[in-house]
Amino acid sequence: MTDNRNTILAVILSGLVLIAWQYFYNVPQMEKQRAQQQAQAELQKSTPQPTATATPGAAPQAG
């Protein structure tokens, strides 16, 4: 009976450790990554993208 109780207690405590790890380690890391992606998106919005528009009568560019 005691062995069974210890096994159940070990499983419950292991689950609590995994949940705490998820909360205290992965959540801040995900928020940091989300902020980085948002900053990168803002940077891409602010920089103009070069467009390849053809000018009638212009010579073709090398490349």
PDB file of N, CA and C in Angstrom:
ATOM      1  N   MET A   1       0.817  -1.194   0.000  1.00  0.00           N
ATOM      2  CA  MET A   1       0.000   0.000   0.000  1.00  0.00           C
ATOM      3  C   MET A   1       0.862   1.261   0.000  1.00  0.00           C
ATOM      4  N   THR A   2       1.936   1.246   0.780  1.00  0.00           N
ATOM      5  CA  THR A   2       2.808   2.415   0.842  1.00  0.00           C
ATOM      6  C   THR A   2       3.536   2.613  -0.479  1.00  0.00           C
ATOM      7  N   ASP A   3       3.919   1.517  -1.102  1.00  0.00           N
ATOM      8  CA  ASP A   3       4.628   1.601  -2.380  1.00  0.00           C
ATOM      9  C   ASP A   3       3.723   2.208  -3.446  1.00  0.00           C
ATOM     10  N   ASN A   4       2.472   1.808  -3.432  1.00  0.00           N
ATOM     11  CA  ASN A   4       1.504   2.335  -4.379  1.00  0.00           C
ATOM     12  C   ASN A   4       1.282   3.832  -4.138  1.00  0.00           C
ATOM     13  N   ARG A   5       1.212   4.231  -2.883  1.00  0.00           N
ATOM     14  CA  ARG A   5       1.012   5.635  -2.539  1.00  0.00           C
ATOM     15  C   ARG A   5       2.215   6.468  -2.991  1.00  0.00           C
ATOM     16  N   ASN A   6       3.414   5.929  -2.807  1.00  0.00           N
ATOM     17  CA  ASN A   6       4.627   6.640  -3.225  1.00  0.00           C
ATOM     18  C   ASN A   6       4.674   6.805  -4.739  1.00  0.00           C
ATOM     19  N   THR A   7       4.239   5.797  -5.464  1.00  0.00           N
ATOM     20  CA  THR A   7       4.224   5.876  -6.928  1.00  0.00           C
ATOM     21  C   THR A   7       3.253   6.957  -7.391  1.00  0.00           C
ATOM     22  N   ILE A   8       2.073   6.966  -6.808  1.00  0.00           N
ATOM     23  CA  ILE A   8       1.076   7.977  -7.180  1.00  0.00           C
ATOM     24  C   ILE A   8       1.582   9.374  -6.831  1.00  0.00           C
ATOM     25  N   LEU A   9       2.181   9.513  -5.674  1.00  0.00           N
ATOM     26  CA  LEU A   9       2.734  10.798  -5.259  1.00  0.00           C
ATOM     27  C   LEU A   9       3.846  11.253  -6.205  1.00  0.00           C
ATOM     28  N   ALA A  10       4.693  10.323  -6.634  1.00  0.00           N
ATOM     29  CA  ALA A  10       5.775  10.661  -7.562  1.00  0.00           C
ATOM     30  C   ALA A  10       5.220  11.122  -8.905  1.00  0.00           C
ATOM     31  N   VAL A  11       4.173  10.462  -9.389  1.00  0.00           N
ATOM     32  CA  VAL A  11       3.568  10.849 -10.664  1.00  0.00           C
ATOM     33  C   VAL A  11       2.944  12.241 -10.556  1.00  0.00           C
ATOM     34  N   ILE A  12       2.245  12.501  -9.469  1.00  0.00           N
ATOM     35  CA  ILE A  12       1.607  13.811  -9.285  1.00  0.00           C
ATOM     36  C   ILE A  12       2.653  14.918  -9.174  1.00  0.00           C
ATOM     37  N   LEU A  13       3.696  14.675  -8.395  1.00  0.00           N
ATOM     38  CA  LEU A  13       4.745  15.691  -8.249  1.00  0.00           C
ATOM     39  C   LEU A  13       5.491  15.922  -9.563  1.00  0.00           C
ATOM     40  N   SER A  14       5.711  14.872 -10.327  1.00  0.00           N
ATOM     41  CA  SER A  14       6.362  15.030 -11.633  1.00  0.00           C
ATOM     42  C   SER A  14       5.499  15.873 -12.561  1.00  0.00           C
ATOM     43  N   GLY A  15       4.203  15.644 -12.536  1.00  0.00           N
ATOM     44  CA  GLY A  15       3.286  16.447 -13.339  1.00  0.00           C
ATOM     45  C   GLY A  15       3.322  17.909 -12.938  1.00  0.00           C
ATOM     46  N   LEU A  16       3.376  18.159 -11.635  1.00  0.00           N
ATOM     47  CA  LEU A  16       3.460  19.541 -11.162  1.00  0.00           C
ATOM     48  C   LEU A  16       4.752  20.217 -11.611  1.00  0.00           C
ATOM     49  N   VAL A  17       5.843  19.471 -11.602  1.00  0.00           N
ATOM     50  CA  VAL A  17       7.119  20.025 -12.065  1.00  0.00           C
ATOM     51  C   VAL A  17       7.030  20.378 -13.547  1.00  0.00           C
ATOM     52  N   LEU A  18       6.425  19.498 -14.339  1.00  0.00           N
ATOM     53  CA  LEU A  18       6.295  19.774 -15.773  1.00  0.00           C
ATOM     54  C   LEU A  18       5.405  20.994 -16.034  1.00  0.00           C
ATOM     55  N   ILE A  19       4.324  21.110 -15.289  1.00  0.00           N
ATOM     56  CA  ILE A  19       3.434  22.267 -15.454  1.00  0.00           C
ATOM     57  C   ILE A  19       4.150  23.554 -15.044  1.00  0.00           C
ATOM     58  N   ALA A  20       4.886  23.508 -13.936  1.00  0.00           N
ATOM     59  CA  ALA A  20       5.634  24.688 -13.493  1.00  0.00           C
ATOM     60  C   ALA A  20       6.697  25.070 -14.516  1.00  0.00           C
ATOM     61  N   TRP A  21       7.373  24.086 -15.086  1.00  0.00           N
ATOM     62  CA  TRP A  21       8.391  24.347 -16.110  1.00  0.00           C
ATOM     63  C   TRP A  21       7.750  25.041 -17.302  1.00  0.00           C
ATOM     64  N   GLN A  22       6.605  24.533 -17.733  1.00  0.00           N
ATOM     65  CA  GLN A  22       5.895  25.122 -18.867  1.00  0.00           C
ATOM     66  C   GLN A  22       5.535  26.577 -18.567  1.00  0.00           C
ATOM     67  N   TYR A  23       5.067  26.829 -17.371  1.00  0.00           N
ATOM     68  CA  TYR A  23       4.603  28.172 -17.013  1.00  0.00           C
ATOM     69  C   TYR A  23       5.754  29.151 -16.832  1.00  0.00           C
ATOM     70  N   PHE A  24       6.790  28.749 -16.120  1.00  0.00           N
ATOM     71  CA  PHE A  24       7.859  29.686 -15.779  1.00  0.00           C
ATOM     72  C   PHE A  24       8.959  29.783 -16.826  1.00  0.00           C
ATOM     73  N   TYR A  25       9.097  28.809 -17.701  1.00  0.00           N
ATOM     74  CA  TYR A  25      10.177  28.843 -18.678  1.00  0.00           C
ATOM     75  C   TYR A  25       9.654  29.071 -20.092  1.00  0.00           C
ATOM     76  N   ASN A  26       8.677  28.297 -20.523  1.00  0.00           N
ATOM     77  CA  ASN A  26       8.235  28.382 -21.912  1.00  0.00           C
ATOM     78  C   ASN A  26       7.385  29.611 -22.203  1.00  0.00           C
ATOM     79  N   VAL A  27       6.538  30.029 -21.275  1.00  0.00           N
ATOM     80  CA  VAL A  27       5.679  31.190 -21.529  1.00  0.00           C
ATOM     81  C   VAL A  27       6.503  32.461 -21.739  1.00  0.00           C
ATOM     82  N   PRO A  28       7.472  32.792 -20.870  1.00  0.00           N
ATOM     83  CA  PRO A  28       8.285  33.988 -21.145  1.00  0.00           C
ATOM     84  C   PRO A  28       9.078  33.877 -22.448  1.00  0.00           C
ATOM     85  N   GLN A  29       9.535  32.672 -22.766  1.00  0.00           N
ATOM     86  CA  GLN A  29      10.287  32.482 -24.004  1.00  0.00           C
ATOM     87  C   GLN A  29       9.375  32.710 -25.213  1.00  0.00           C
ATOM     88  N   MET A  30       8.136  32.230 -25.147  1.00  0.00           N
ATOM     89  CA  MET A  30       7.196  32.429 -26.244  1.00  0.00           C
ATOM     90  C   MET A  30       6.833  33.905 -26.389  1.00  0.00           C
ATOM     91  N   GLU A  31       6.684  34.618 -25.271  1.00  0.00           N
ATOM     92  CA  GLU A  31       6.387  36.051 -25.335  1.00  0.00           C
ATOM     93  C   GLU A  31       7.548  36.825 -25.955  1.00  0.00           C
ATOM     94  N   LYS A  32       8.761  36.428 -25.613  1.00  0.00           N
ATOM     95  CA  LYS A  32       9.943  37.074 -26.186  1.00  0.00           C
ATOM     96  C   LYS A  32       9.989  36.845 -27.694  1.00  0.00           C
ATOM     97  N   GLN A  33       9.690  35.615 -28.113  1.00  0.00           N
ATOM     98  CA  GLN A  33       9.705  35.291 -29.536  1.00  0.00           C
ATOM     99  C   GLN A  33       8.591  36.053 -30.264  1.00  0.00           C
ATOM    100  N   ARG A  34       7.430  36.168 -29.650  1.00  0.00           N
ATOM    101  CA  ARG A  34       6.318  36.898 -30.256  1.00  0.00           C
ATOM    102  C   ARG A  34       6.667  38.376 -30.417  1.00  0.00           C
ATOM    103  N   ALA A  35       7.321  38.955 -29.420  1.00  0.00           N
ATOM    104  CA  ALA A  35       7.726  40.360 -29.501  1.00  0.00           C
ATOM    105  C   ALA A  35       8.762  40.559 -30.602  1.00  0.00           C
ATOM    106  N   GLN A  36       9.661  39.588 -30.741  1.00  0.00           N
ATOM    107  CA  GLN A  36      10.674  39.661 -31.794  1.00  0.00           C
ATOM    108  C   GLN A  36      10.020  39.610 -33.172  1.00  0.00           C
ATOM    109  N   GLN A  37       9.041  38.726 -33.347  1.00  0.00           N
ATOM    110  CA  GLN A  37       8.353  38.621 -34.629  1.00  0.00           C
ATOM    111  C   GLN A  37       7.563  39.885 -34.929  1.00  0.00           C
ATOM    112  N   GLN A  38       6.954  40.466 -33.897  1.00  0.00           N
ATOM    113  CA  GLN A  38       6.199  41.694 -34.092  1.00  0.00           C
ATOM    114  C   GLN A  38       7.124  42.843 -34.486  1.00  0.00           C
ATOM    115  N   ALA A  39       8.292  42.918 -33.869  1.00  0.00           N
ATOM    116  CA  ALA A  39       9.254  43.964 -34.220  1.00  0.00           C
ATOM    117  C   ALA A  39       9.744  43.783 -35.648  1.00  0.00           C
ATOM    118  N   GLN A  40       9.946  42.543 -36.049  1.00  0.00           N
ATOM    119  CA  GLN A  40      10.392  42.273 -37.413  1.00  0.00           C
ATOM    120  C   GLN A  40       9.295  42.650 -38.412  1.00  0.00           C
ATOM    121  N   ALA A  41       8.042  42.384 -38.073  1.00  0.00           N
ATOM    122  CA  ALA A  41       6.934  42.749 -38.953  1.00  0.00           C
ATOM    123  C   ALA A  41       6.820  44.266 -39.071  1.00  0.00           C
ATOM    124  N   GLU A  42       7.014  44.976 -37.968  1.00  0.00           N
ATOM    125  CA  GLU A  42       6.988  46.440 -38.001  1.00  0.00           C
ATOM    126  C   GLU A  42       8.109  46.981 -38.882  1.00  0.00           C
ATOM    127  N   LEU A  43       9.277  46.359 -38.801  1.00  0.00           N
ATOM    128  CA  LEU A  43      10.413  46.789 -39.603  1.00  0.00           C
ATOM    129  C   LEU A  43      10.138  46.568 -41.084  1.00  0.00           C
ATOM    130  N   GLN A  44       9.522  45.445 -41.413  1.00  0.00           N
ATOM    131  CA  GLN A  44       9.210  45.167 -42.811  1.00  0.00           C
ATOM    132  C   GLN A  44       8.137  46.112 -43.337  1.00  0.00           C
ATOM    133  N   LYS A  45       7.220  46.527 -42.477  1.00  0.00           N
ATOM    134  CA  LYS A  45       6.191  47.475 -42.897  1.00  0.00           C
ATOM    135  C   LYS A  45       6.794  48.839 -43.203  1.00  0.00           C
ATOM    136  N   SER A  46       7.756  49.258 -42.388  1.00  0.00           N
ATOM    137  CA  SER A  46       8.297  50.606 -42.526  1.00  0.00           C
ATOM    138  C   SER A  46       9.265  50.741 -43.695  1.00  0.00           C
ATOM    139  N   THR A  47       9.936  49.667 -44.086  1.00  0.00           N
ATOM    140  CA  THR A  47      10.867  49.758 -45.209  1.00  0.00           C
ATOM    141  C   THR A  47      10.108  49.512 -46.506  1.00  0.00           C
ATOM    142  N   PRO A  48      10.268  50.390 -47.467  1.00  0.00           N
ATOM    143  CA  PRO A  48       9.565  50.198 -48.737  1.00  0.00           C
ATOM    144  C   PRO A  48      10.156  49.019 -49.514  1.00  0.00           C
ATOM    145  N   GLN A  49       9.285  48.258 -50.101  1.00  0.00           N
ATOM    146  CA  GLN A  49       9.713  47.114 -50.894  1.00  0.00           C
ATOM    147  C   GLN A  49       9.977  47.578 -52.326  1.00  0.00           C
ATOM    148  N   PRO A  50      11.104  47.201 -52.901  1.00  0.00           N
ATOM    149  CA  PRO A  50      11.377  47.585 -54.290  1.00  0.00           C
ATOM    150  C   PRO A  50      10.419  46.855 -55.227  1.00  0.00           C
ATOM    151  N   THR A  51       9.897  47.610 -56.158  1.00  0.00           N
ATOM    152  CA  THR A  51       8.978  47.009 -57.119  1.00  0.00           C
ATOM    153  C   THR A  51       9.644  46.977 -58.479  1.00  0.00           C
ATOM    154  N   ALA A  52       9.351  45.964 -59.218  1.00  0.00           N
ATOM    155  CA  ALA A  52       9.923  45.814 -60.550  1.00  0.00           C
ATOM    156  C   ALA A  52       8.882  46.272 -61.564  1.00  0.00           C
ATOM    157  N   THR A  53       8.839  47.562 -61.804  1.00  0.00           N
ATOM    158  CA  THR A  53       7.895  48.090 -62.787  1.00  0.00           C
ATOM    159  C   THR A  53       8.642  48.315 -64.093  1.00  0.00           C
ATOM    160  N   ALA A  54       8.034  47.930 -65.140  1.00  0.00           N
ATOM    161  CA  ALA A  54       8.648  48.094 -66.458  1.00  0.00           C
ATOM    162  C   ALA A  54       8.273  49.466 -67.017  1.00  0.00           C
ATOM    163  N   THR A  55       9.265  50.156 -67.506  1.00  0.00           N
ATOM    164  CA  THR A  55       9.037  51.452 -68.131  1.00  0.00           C
ATOM    165  C   THR A  55       8.974  51.223 -69.638  1.00  0.00           C
ATOM    166  N   PRO A  56       7.901  51.659 -70.262  1.00  0.00           N
ATOM    167  CA  PRO A  56       7.808  51.450 -71.714  1.00  0.00           C
ATOM    168  C   PRO A  56       8.932  52.175 -72.454  1.00  0.00           C
ATOM    169  N   GLY A  57       9.558  51.483 -73.368  1.00  0.00           N
ATOM    170  CA  GLY A  57      10.619  52.062 -74.167  1.00  0.00           C
ATOM    171  C   GLY A  57      11.979  52.018 -73.507  1.00  0.00           C
ATOM    172  N   ALA A  58      12.091  51.483 -72.312  1.00  0.00           N
ATOM    173  CA  ALA A  58      13.376  51.426 -71.618  1.00  0.00           C
ATOM    174  C   ALA A  58      14.119  50.156 -72.020  1.00  0.00           C
ATOM    175  N   ALA A  59      15.449  50.229 -71.962  1.00  0.00           N
ATOM    176  CA  ALA A  59      16.267  49.065 -72.296  1.00  0.00           C
ATOM    177  C   ALA A  59      16.186  48.050 -71.152  1.00  0.00           C
ATOM    178  N   PRO A  60      16.218  46.762 -71.467  1.00  0.00           N
ATOM    179  CA  PRO A  60      16.183  45.747 -70.407  1.00  0.00           C
ATOM    180  C   PRO A  60      17.440  45.817 -69.547  1.00  0.00           C
ATOM    181  N   GLN A  61      17.268  45.536 -68.276  1.00  0.00           N
ATOM    182  CA  GLN A  61      18.393  45.570 -67.352  1.00  0.00           C
ATOM    183  C   GLN A  61      19.106  44.231 -67.358  1.00  0.00           C
ATOM    184  N   ALA A  62      20.417  44.294 -67.137  1.00  0.00           N
ATOM    185  CA  ALA A  62      21.198  43.061 -67.069  1.00  0.00           C
ATOM    186  C   ALA A  62      20.979  42.417 -65.710  1.00  0.00           C
ATOM    187  N   GLY A  63      20.977  41.096 -65.670  1.00  0.00           N
ATOM    188  CA  GLY A  63      20.869  40.488 -64.362  1.00  0.00           C
ATOM    189  C   GLY A  63      20.192  39.230 -64.448  1.00  0.00           C
TER     190      GLY A  63
END
